[in-house]
Protein backbone atom coordinates (compact mmCIF):
# COMPACT_ATOMS: atom_id res chain seq x y z
CA MET A 1 0.84 79.81 26.53
CA GLU A 2 1.47 83.71 27.03
CA LYS A 3 3.00 85.48 23.74
CA VAL A 4 6.70 85.65 24.20
CA ASN A 5 8.18 88.78 22.72
CA ILE A 6 11.84 86.89 21.35
CA LYS A 7 12.17 88.61 18.25
CA GLU A 8 16.51 90.33 19.50
CA SER A 9 17.24 87.88 21.87
CA ILE A 10 17.72 84.42 20.82
CA ALA A 11 20.86 82.05 21.57
CA ILE A 12 21.85 79.21 20.33
CA VAL A 13 24.22 77.00 22.44
CA ASN A 14 25.88 73.47 21.11
CA ILE A 15 27.68 71.16 23.57
CA GLY A 16 30.39 68.62 22.73
CA ASN A 17 34.01 68.24 22.83
CA GLU A 18 33.91 66.77 19.53
CA LEU A 19 32.84 70.12 18.02
CA LEU A 20 35.73 71.71 20.15
CA LEU A 21 38.33 69.73 18.68
CA GLY A 22 37.44 70.02 15.05
CA ARG A 23 36.17 66.63 14.84
CA THR A 24 32.74 66.98 13.99
CA ILE A 25 31.67 70.16 11.95
CA ASN A 26 28.79 72.01 13.57
CA THR A 27 26.36 71.82 10.65
CA ASN A 28 23.22 72.31 13.20
CA LEU A 29 24.15 75.69 13.96
CA SER A 30 24.00 76.73 10.17
CA TRP A 31 20.48 74.75 9.69
CA LEU A 32 19.24 76.03 13.31
CA GLY A 33 19.82 79.60 12.01
CA ASN A 34 18.79 79.45 9.23
CA GLU A 35 15.39 77.76 10.18
CA LEU A 36 14.61 80.27 12.97
CA ALA A 37 15.55 83.44 9.88
CA SER A 38 12.54 81.90 8.23
CA MET A 39 10.51 82.48 10.86
CA GLY A 40 11.49 86.13 11.43
CA LEU A 41 13.77 84.99 14.65
CA GLU A 42 17.47 86.80 13.85
CA VAL A 43 19.87 84.18 16.07
CA SER A 44 22.28 86.95 18.03
CA LYS A 45 24.65 84.92 20.27
CA ALA A 46 25.87 81.26 19.22
CA LEU A 47 28.33 79.11 21.25
CA ILE A 48 30.08 76.23 21.52
CA ILE A 49 31.35 74.66 24.93
CA PRO A 50 32.32 71.11 26.34
CA ASP A 51 30.61 68.81 27.93
CA ASP A 52 31.06 69.63 31.54
CA SER A 53 28.81 71.36 34.40
CA ASP A 54 30.55 74.22 34.99
CA SER A 55 30.55 74.92 31.34
CA ILE A 56 27.12 74.80 31.23
CA LYS A 57 26.06 76.03 34.17
CA GLU A 58 28.14 79.60 33.51
CA VAL A 59 26.38 79.74 29.90
CA LEU A 60 22.88 79.54 31.84
CA GLU A 61 23.85 81.85 34.09
CA HIS A 62 25.12 84.53 31.39
CA LEU A 63 22.18 83.84 29.18
CA ILE A 64 18.56 83.67 31.37
CA PRO A 65 18.79 87.02 32.22
CA SER A 66 18.93 88.67 28.69
CA TYR A 67 17.84 86.03 26.48
CA SER A 68 14.49 84.97 26.02
CA LEU A 69 14.61 81.83 23.74
CA ILE A 70 17.53 79.59 23.98
CA ILE A 71 18.41 76.70 22.05
CA PHE A 72 20.80 73.67 23.18
CA THR A 73 22.25 70.79 21.05
CA GLY A 74 23.78 67.93 22.89
CA GLY A 75 24.81 66.04 25.63
CA LEU A 76 21.73 64.06 26.01
CA GLY A 77 22.98 60.81 25.22
CA PRO A 78 22.75 57.92 27.71
CA THR A 79 26.80 57.91 28.62
CA LYS A 80 28.73 59.51 31.78
CA ASP A 81 29.85 62.65 29.28
CA ASP A 82 26.05 63.46 28.37
CA ILE A 83 25.45 65.87 31.34
CA SER A 84 23.56 68.47 29.86
CA LYS A 85 19.62 67.41 31.65
CA LYS A 86 21.35 66.64 34.62
CA VAL A 87 22.83 70.23 35.12
CA ILE A 88 19.95 72.45 33.55
CA ALA A 89 17.76 70.42 35.80
CA GLU A 90 20.06 71.11 38.71
CA PHE A 91 19.87 74.99 37.47
CA PHE A 92 16.17 75.70 37.39
CA GLY A 93 16.32 73.39 40.96
CA LYS A 94 14.21 70.61 39.43
CA GLU A 95 14.44 66.90 40.28
CA LEU A 96 14.81 64.43 37.36
CA ILE A 97 11.77 62.46 37.48
CA PHE A 98 11.76 58.60 35.74
CA ASP A 99 9.23 58.55 33.20
CA GLU A 100 7.70 55.15 32.51
CA LYS A 101 6.56 55.58 28.68
CA ILE A 102 10.07 56.97 27.78
CA TRP A 103 11.66 54.03 29.27
CA LEU A 104 9.11 51.49 27.06
CA LYS A 105 9.30 53.78 23.73
CA ILE A 106 13.26 53.00 24.45
CA GLN A 107 12.64 49.14 24.67
CA ASP A 108 10.33 49.04 21.99
CA MET A 109 12.89 51.05 19.47
CA PHE A 110 15.98 48.04 20.67
CA ALA A 111 13.62 45.15 20.51
CA PHE A 112 12.77 46.55 16.35
CA ARG A 113 16.19 46.30 15.87
CA LYS A 114 16.62 42.91 18.12
CA VAL A 115 18.97 43.95 20.22
CA PRO A 116 19.51 43.83 23.81
CA VAL A 117 18.72 47.21 26.11
CA PRO A 118 21.60 48.46 27.81
CA GLU A 119 20.97 49.64 31.27
CA ILE A 120 22.90 52.73 30.97
CA ASN A 121 19.86 53.73 28.36
CA LYS A 122 17.37 54.45 31.69
CA ASN A 123 19.43 58.03 31.71
CA GLN A 124 17.46 59.30 29.25
CA ALA A 125 13.99 58.11 30.62
CA LEU A 126 14.87 60.48 32.97
CA VAL A 127 13.77 63.93 32.73
CA PRO A 128 13.32 67.28 34.83
CA LYS A 129 9.95 68.04 37.25
CA ASP A 130 8.21 70.46 35.08
CA PHE A 131 9.75 70.87 31.81
CA THR A 132 7.71 69.46 28.71
CA ILE A 133 8.82 66.33 26.70
CA LEU A 134 9.35 66.32 22.87
CA GLN A 135 8.85 62.76 21.53
CA ASN A 136 12.20 61.80 19.48
CA ASP A 137 10.64 59.77 16.66
CA MET A 138 14.13 59.39 15.27
CA GLY A 139 16.58 58.41 18.22
CA THR A 140 16.33 57.03 22.26
CA ALA A 141 16.67 60.66 23.33
CA PRO A 142 13.82 62.69 23.93
CA GLY A 143 14.23 66.44 23.57
CA LEU A 144 12.88 68.91 26.43
CA PHE A 145 11.08 72.22 27.12
CA TYR A 146 10.66 74.37 29.78
CA HIS A 147 8.71 77.77 29.82
CA GLU A 148 9.50 80.26 32.60
CA LYS A 149 7.90 83.97 32.30
CA ASN A 150 9.58 85.63 29.47
CA MET A 151 11.87 82.58 28.58
CA MET A 152 11.67 79.58 26.63
CA LEU A 153 14.46 76.99 26.22
CA PHE A 154 14.36 73.78 24.79
CA ALA A 155 17.33 71.01 24.21
CA MET A 156 17.70 68.46 21.96
CA PRO A 157 20.32 65.91 20.80
CA GLY A 158 23.09 66.89 18.85
CA VAL A 159 22.48 63.87 16.56
CA PRO A 160 21.60 66.19 13.28
CA ILE A 161 18.34 63.69 11.91
CA GLU A 162 17.41 63.60 15.54
CA MET A 163 17.98 67.91 15.97
CA LYS A 164 16.08 68.50 12.91
CA HIS A 165 13.68 66.51 13.52
CA LEU A 166 12.51 67.54 17.14
CA PHE A 167 12.81 71.14 15.67
CA THR A 168 10.70 70.84 12.63
CA GLU A 169 8.16 68.49 14.15
CA ARG A 170 7.66 69.62 17.84
CA ILE A 171 9.74 72.96 18.59
CA LYS A 172 8.34 74.96 15.47
CA PRO A 173 4.99 74.70 16.22
CA ILE A 174 5.47 75.94 19.57
CA LEU A 175 7.49 78.62 18.37
CA ALA A 176 4.91 79.59 15.77
CA LYS A 177 1.89 79.50 18.98
CA ALA A 178 4.09 81.66 21.15
CA CYS A 179 6.15 84.36 19.16
CA SER A 180 4.56 87.92 18.53
CA ASN A 181 6.41 88.85 15.21
CA LYS A 182 5.71 91.29 12.69
CA GLU A 183 4.99 90.15 9.23
CA TRP A 184 8.06 88.94 7.96
CA PHE A 185 10.19 89.28 4.61
CA LEU A 186 12.77 86.57 3.94
CA GLN A 187 13.92 85.86 0.24
CA THR A 188 17.54 85.04 -1.76
CA ILE A 189 19.02 85.67 -4.81
CA ASN A 190 21.37 82.54 -5.71
CA THR A 191 23.67 84.19 -8.72
CA TYR A 192 26.94 82.59 -10.71
CA GLY A 193 29.40 83.72 -12.74
CA ILE A 194 29.94 86.80 -10.64
CA SER A 195 31.99 87.29 -7.25
CA GLU A 196 30.90 88.70 -4.24
CA SER A 197 33.01 92.28 -4.89
CA ALA A 198 31.32 92.81 -8.48
CA ILE A 199 27.72 92.30 -6.83
CA ALA A 200 28.89 95.21 -4.69
CA GLU A 201 29.96 96.91 -6.92
CA LEU A 202 26.99 96.78 -8.91
CA MET A 203 24.94 97.37 -6.04
CA GLU A 204 26.21 100.90 -5.50
CA VAL A 205 23.73 102.74 -7.52
CA LEU A 206 21.13 101.34 -5.51
CA THR A 207 20.19 102.92 -1.90
CA ILE A 208 19.12 100.04 0.40
CA PRO A 209 16.81 101.92 3.39
CA ASP A 210 18.01 101.14 6.60
CA ASN A 211 15.21 98.80 7.69
CA VAL A 212 15.67 96.74 4.85
CA HIS A 213 19.08 93.56 5.56
CA ILE A 214 21.04 92.53 3.11
CA ALA A 215 23.40 89.31 3.87
CA TRP A 216 25.80 88.41 1.77
CA LEU A 217 26.34 84.13 1.49
CA PRO A 218 29.35 83.11 -0.73
CA GLN A 219 29.53 79.59 -1.53
CA THR A 220 31.49 77.78 -3.63
CA GLY A 221 31.94 79.26 -6.69
CA ARG A 222 28.62 81.20 -6.76
CA VAL A 223 27.05 84.25 -4.59
CA ASP A 224 23.40 84.16 -2.69
CA ILE A 225 21.86 87.48 -1.89
CA ARG A 226 19.82 87.01 1.21
CA VAL A 227 17.33 89.90 1.61
CA TYR A 228 15.18 90.15 4.94
CA GLY A 229 13.58 92.18 7.77
CA SER A 230 9.83 93.35 8.85
CA GLU A 231 9.16 95.97 6.88
CA LYS A 232 7.67 93.63 3.57
CA LYS A 233 7.08 96.52 1.57
CA ALA A 234 10.72 98.02 1.58
CA CYS A 235 12.03 94.90 1.63
CA GLN A 236 10.52 93.55 -1.60
CA LYS A 237 11.37 96.54 -3.37
CA ALA A 238 14.88 96.24 -2.79
CA TYR A 239 14.70 92.66 -3.56
CA ASP A 240 12.96 93.30 -6.77
CA GLU A 241 15.58 96.54 -7.26
CA ILE A 242 18.76 93.56 -6.62
CA LYS A 243 17.08 90.68 -9.06
CA ALA A 244 16.85 93.30 -12.20
CA LEU A 245 20.34 94.57 -11.27
CA LEU A 246 22.14 91.14 -11.22
CA LYS A 247 19.43 89.38 -13.86
CA PRO A 248 22.14 88.41 -16.78
CA TYR A 249 23.57 86.00 -12.97
CA ILE A 250 20.63 84.80 -11.39
CA TRP A 251 20.10 81.01 -11.84
CA GLY A 252 17.28 80.76 -8.94
CA GLU A 253 15.89 82.36 -5.76
CA ASN A 254 15.46 80.56 -2.84
CA TYR A 255 17.52 77.47 -3.41
CA ALA A 256 19.99 75.91 -1.23
CA ASN A 257 22.36 74.59 -3.70
CA VAL A 258 22.15 73.87 -7.47
CA ALA A 259 21.63 70.41 -7.28
CA GLN A 260 17.93 71.31 -5.78
CA LYS A 261 17.18 73.65 -9.17
CA LEU A 262 18.62 70.81 -11.39
CA HIS A 263 16.69 68.03 -9.50
CA GLU A 264 13.06 69.74 -9.97
CA LEU A 265 13.73 70.28 -13.63
CA LEU A 266 14.49 66.98 -14.59
CA ILE A 267 11.49 65.93 -12.27
CA THR A 268 8.77 68.30 -14.06
CA LYS A 269 10.62 67.75 -18.00
CA GLN A 270 10.66 63.91 -17.06
CA LYS A 271 14.44 63.68 -18.42
CA THR A 272 17.08 61.64 -17.93
CA ILE A 273 20.83 61.30 -17.18
CA ALA A 274 23.71 59.42 -17.09
CA CYS A 275 26.95 60.21 -15.86
CA ALA A 276 30.63 58.96 -16.95
CA GLU A 277 32.92 60.51 -14.10
CA SER A 278 36.68 60.30 -13.97
CA CYS A 279 38.29 63.43 -11.39
CA THR A 280 34.79 63.86 -9.69
CA GLY A 281 34.90 59.87 -8.29
CA GLY A 282 30.45 59.33 -8.43
CA MET A 283 30.18 63.19 -7.03
CA ILE A 284 27.28 64.19 -9.78
CA GLN A 285 25.63 61.45 -8.98
CA LYS A 286 26.12 61.46 -5.14
CA LEU A 287 24.54 65.10 -5.02
CA LEU A 288 21.90 63.98 -7.28
CA THR A 289 20.95 60.85 -5.05
CA ASP A 290 21.27 62.62 -1.73
CA MET A 291 17.55 64.13 -2.73
CA PRO A 292 14.98 61.82 -2.93
CA GLY A 293 12.89 61.22 -5.84
CA SER A 294 16.37 61.24 -8.37
CA SER A 295 15.24 57.38 -9.01
CA ALA A 296 13.22 59.19 -11.92
CA TYR A 297 15.92 60.61 -13.80
CA LEU A 298 19.28 59.19 -12.76
CA GLN A 299 19.97 56.61 -15.14
CA GLY A 300 22.90 55.02 -13.27
CA GLY A 301 27.17 56.07 -14.56
CA ILE A 302 30.45 54.68 -14.88
CA ILE A 303 33.42 55.77 -12.36
CA SER A 304 35.66 55.26 -15.15
CA TYR A 305 38.75 56.18 -12.46
CA SER A 306 41.60 54.65 -14.67
CA ASN A 307 42.36 54.38 -17.96
CA GLU A 308 41.80 50.67 -18.21
CA ILE A 309 37.93 51.25 -17.31
CA LYS A 310 37.61 54.34 -19.41
CA GLU A 311 38.61 51.59 -22.46
CA ARG A 312 36.59 48.71 -21.36
CA LEU A 313 33.61 50.22 -19.83
CA LEU A 314 33.23 53.73 -21.96
CA TYR A 315 34.92 52.29 -25.07
CA VAL A 316 37.75 55.18 -25.23
CA PRO A 317 39.80 54.41 -27.83
CA HIS A 318 43.37 53.37 -26.77
CA GLU A 319 45.37 55.39 -29.11
CA ILE A 320 43.25 58.67 -27.44
CA ILE A 321 44.67 57.85 -24.06
CA GLU A 322 47.79 56.93 -25.93
CA GLN A 323 47.82 60.36 -28.03
CA ASP A 324 46.14 63.06 -26.30
CA GLY A 325 46.16 61.92 -22.22
CA ALA A 326 43.29 61.39 -20.46
CA VAL A 327 42.66 64.53 -19.35
CA SER A 328 41.92 65.93 -22.97
CA GLU A 329 38.58 67.39 -25.11
CA SER A 330 39.14 63.63 -27.26
CA CYS A 331 38.92 61.30 -24.41
CA ALA A 332 35.84 63.68 -22.94
CA ARG A 333 34.23 63.74 -26.26
CA ALA A 334 34.50 59.58 -26.50
CA MET A 335 33.74 58.96 -22.58
CA MET A 336 30.78 60.96 -22.99
CA ASP A 337 30.03 58.83 -26.55
CA GLY A 338 30.60 55.82 -24.95
CA LEU A 339 27.79 55.84 -22.61
CA LYS A 340 25.26 55.24 -25.51
CA LYS A 341 26.28 51.74 -25.06
CA SER A 342 25.16 51.26 -21.70
CA PHE A 343 22.56 53.69 -21.39
CA ASN A 344 19.40 55.23 -23.27
CA SER A 345 19.42 58.70 -21.65
CA ASP A 346 18.89 62.25 -22.72
CA PHE A 347 21.76 63.67 -21.10
CA ARG A 348 24.70 62.24 -21.41
CA VAL A 349 27.34 63.81 -18.91
CA SER A 350 31.55 63.35 -18.79
CA VAL A 351 34.18 64.16 -16.71
CA THR A 352 37.98 63.84 -17.01
CA GLY A 353 40.15 66.49 -15.26
CA ILE A 354 43.25 67.17 -12.78
CA ALA A 355 41.93 67.66 -9.13
CA GLY A 356 45.05 67.73 -7.40
CA PRO A 357 47.20 68.58 -5.58
CA ASP A 358 49.86 67.78 -8.47
CA GLY A 359 49.51 68.51 -12.25
CA GLY A 360 49.32 66.37 -14.78
CA SER A 361 51.99 63.12 -14.63
CA ASP A 362 52.60 63.61 -18.57
CA LEU A 363 52.44 67.44 -19.37
CA PRO A 364 51.91 69.14 -15.79
CA ASP A 365 52.46 72.93 -17.36
CA GLU A 366 49.97 72.07 -20.13
CA LYS A 367 47.64 70.23 -17.80
CA PRO A 368 47.88 72.18 -14.46
CA VAL A 369 45.65 71.12 -10.88
CA GLY A 370 42.05 71.98 -11.53
CA LEU A 371 41.82 71.71 -15.63
CA VAL A 372 38.41 70.03 -16.37
CA TYR A 373 36.85 68.40 -19.72
CA ILE A 374 33.07 68.49 -19.23
CA GLY A 375 30.81 66.79 -22.16
CA ILE A 376 27.43 67.56 -22.12
CA ALA A 377 25.10 65.75 -24.58
CA TYR A 378 21.40 66.71 -25.04
CA ALA A 379 19.16 66.24 -27.89
CA GLU A 380 21.24 66.93 -30.74
CA ILE A 381 23.80 68.90 -29.18
CA ALA A 382 26.76 67.68 -27.72
CA GLU A 383 29.56 70.14 -26.16
CA ILE A 384 32.71 69.93 -24.79
CA PHE A 385 34.17 72.51 -22.39
CA LYS A 386 37.41 73.25 -20.91
CA MET A 387 37.56 74.44 -17.95
CA ARG A 388 40.38 75.82 -15.22
CA PHE A 389 38.42 75.97 -11.49
CA LEU A 390 40.52 77.15 -8.52
CA GLY A 391 41.07 75.86 -5.17
CA ASN A 392 41.92 72.78 -3.36
CA ARG A 393 41.09 68.92 -4.34
CA ASP A 394 37.63 68.97 -2.97
CA SER A 395 36.30 72.59 -4.12
CA ILE A 396 37.62 71.38 -7.70
CA ARG A 397 35.45 68.45 -7.43
CA PHE A 398 32.82 70.18 -6.26
CA LYS A 399 32.73 73.39 -8.64
CA THR A 400 32.97 70.86 -11.26
CA ALA A 401 29.51 69.06 -10.52
CA GLU A 402 27.91 72.69 -9.98
CA PHE A 403 29.16 73.79 -13.25
CA VAL A 404 27.54 70.41 -14.96
CA PHE A 405 24.25 71.32 -13.04
CA TYR A 406 23.97 74.45 -14.07
CA GLN A 407 24.82 73.68 -17.86
CA MET A 408 22.29 71.16 -17.86
CA ILE A 409 19.90 73.50 -16.25
CA LYS A 410 20.62 76.04 -19.06
CA CYS A 411 19.57 73.05 -21.68
CA LEU A 412 16.00 72.39 -19.75
CA GLU A 413 15.18 76.46 -19.67
CA ASN A 414 16.35 77.23 -23.22
């Protein structure tokens, strides 16, 4: 395949009425953008369009003359509203041809599940002539690849697990062979405990060259700083200067989230954890078990949302609930200590607080929304943190979980 210069002309098109209605979050765009950036390919346009032929034709007419890499997601299913494949084929003047191998694969997948194959699934075995089929091991709809002059077009299903599989296993190797890119620098600094504006003020003393690009990536309660560009030496110099400037606030480099780093540390250092969660409702354990291999360190936990469970399973004295309330330092400590009865873990974590939307029912002024007591016991140290997180119910719960992870990382690194 001839080399294609696609560095400055990349477009992603996400198809789906559910995306426009807000019923489905468009995670495909952010994931693809990040994956392409890691290859030195920066997306210059992204579009979300409905599942209708006029919209797909219109976007193709707009993109084909100016963009040399176009990636479609969505609209490859078997139902009548999945029309992407048909419209793309018509646009390039290609007839749809029935592929027996795809149909056999679809039948095998249904047979494995021991369910009959709906006749409508035959639509997924129709592929445009002269298109390359990208085998989809995660679903019934294959991906598609079309190459014409200085343009490459890919089409993938919109289901995230299928899209990620196809891009990683099928599309990335094609791009690696076809793209003539210079060296590419891409590194991310992970910070915590400092705002985006405060970082910007600190960085005013630095002189960043024009050929070095800085991306500010504010997260929930933290900020990531990405340095990227094709001039590797200049980027490395700027990256090192920013790292030195922000050293007190840096917890990691190139991590997607805090749980990922804690996951690695717990496995490397062979430490275990048990949790007693109230206001987070199991979120701490959920974020850890999102990653394969977490069974090496997560022993389990107790979601003690009610006072009854705090007393019965975590042995919190009734007097503490009566006198200090469930959201209190004494309750967080008792929950943490109560884990000893059921778990023999290196870390014991307890969380009790008020995620909102209303404050504490007993003393709302003294116990406002966002008040959280966090207990962390490790080795000979047992500490209670009284925190006040800002935000809505979801962000307070998430910030609480990440705060636990930061404190555990500190323990393990020090």
